[in-house]
Protein backbone atom coordinates (compact mmCIF):
# COMPACT_ATOMS: atom_id res chain seq x y z
CA MET A 1 47.58 76.05 120.00
CA GLU A 2 45.50 79.17 119.80
CA PHE A 3 47.46 82.51 119.12
CA VAL A 4 47.78 84.69 122.23
CA ASN A 5 48.38 88.98 121.47
CA LEU A 6 51.05 89.25 123.63
CA PRO A 7 50.93 93.11 123.59
CA LEU A 8 47.12 93.57 125.16
CA VAL A 9 47.97 90.75 127.00
CA PHE A 10 50.48 93.12 128.30
CA LEU A 11 48.09 96.68 128.28
CA ILE A 12 45.20 94.70 129.55
CA GLY A 13 47.68 92.96 132.65
CA CYS A 14 48.79 96.88 133.18
CA ALA A 15 45.49 98.03 133.94
CA LEU A 16 43.73 95.44 135.71
CA ILE A 17 47.40 96.64 137.83
CA ALA A 18 46.45 100.88 137.51
CA LEU A 19 42.48 99.64 138.74
CA LEU A 20 44.00 98.13 141.54
CA ALA A 21 46.04 100.50 143.02
CA LYS A 22 43.38 102.80 142.15
CA ARG A 23 40.67 100.92 144.04
CA ASN A 24 43.74 102.16 146.96
CA GLY A 25 44.31 105.55 146.17
CA TYR A 26 46.75 105.97 143.46
CA SER A 27 45.55 108.46 140.27
CA TRP A 28 45.18 105.12 137.52
CA TYR A 29 46.50 106.44 134.40
CA LEU A 30 49.74 108.30 135.77
CA PHE A 31 49.86 104.95 137.62
CA PHE A 32 49.43 103.17 134.48
CA PHE A 33 51.56 104.84 132.12
CA ALA A 34 54.61 104.25 134.78
CA ILE A 35 53.67 100.57 134.50
CA ALA A 36 53.90 100.23 130.61
CA VAL A 37 55.28 102.89 128.84
CA PRO A 38 59.21 102.22 130.69
CA ALA A 39 58.38 98.96 129.71
CA PRO A 40 59.15 98.61 125.38
CA LEU A 41 61.86 101.38 126.06
CA LEU A 42 63.96 98.73 127.91
CA LEU A 43 63.24 95.96 125.72
CA LEU A 44 64.20 98.72 122.75
CA ALA A 45 67.45 99.74 124.61
CA LEU A 46 68.15 95.64 125.25
CA PRO A 47 70.18 94.73 122.18
CA HIS A 48 72.57 97.59 123.76
CA VAL A 49 72.67 97.79 127.61
CA VAL A 50 73.63 94.01 127.86
CA GLY A 51 74.38 92.63 123.82
CA ALA A 52 72.68 91.16 120.94
CA GLN A 53 73.61 87.57 122.22
CA ALA A 54 72.50 88.02 125.58
CA ALA A 55 68.91 90.14 123.98
CA THR A 56 68.04 87.51 122.28
CA LEU A 57 66.89 85.62 125.00
CA THR A 58 63.73 84.64 125.85
CA SER A 59 63.61 84.57 129.29
CA VAL A 60 65.81 88.14 129.89
CA ARG A 61 63.27 89.99 126.85
CA LEU A 62 60.91 88.57 129.88
CA GLY A 63 61.60 89.42 132.92
CA THR A 64 62.54 93.48 131.37
CA ALA A 65 59.16 93.27 129.75
CA LEU A 66 57.60 92.79 133.75
CA PHE A 67 59.90 94.81 135.77
CA PHE A 68 58.09 97.93 136.25
CA PRO A 69 54.04 95.51 135.80
CA VAL A 70 55.64 93.44 138.75
CA ALA A 71 57.03 96.58 141.15
CA GLY A 72 53.78 99.05 140.29
CA LEU A 73 51.41 95.33 141.33
CA LEU A 74 54.27 95.36 144.59
CA LEU A 75 53.17 99.58 144.97
CA ALA A 76 49.17 99.09 144.07
CA LEU A 77 48.31 96.83 147.06
CA ARG A 78 50.55 98.80 149.91
CA ARG A 79 47.53 101.25 151.29
CA ARG A 80 48.67 105.01 150.36
CA ASN A 81 48.43 106.88 153.71
């Protein structure tokens, strides 16, 4: 199996969500930073919040990393009034 650069995939996904938000009337750069910046900070704080044992679970880390991009995608799909 080929190596996949996951941080790059994450940033490209956030950029695509930001472009979708731009199409619907939002500021794309503020939208990008609002969904991309909190994920690494949450991952760093994860062992202190849920404990070191639970923080090593892949499902917990994946859910934490995808929380803001999924919330951003749901917001980007809405039209701005």
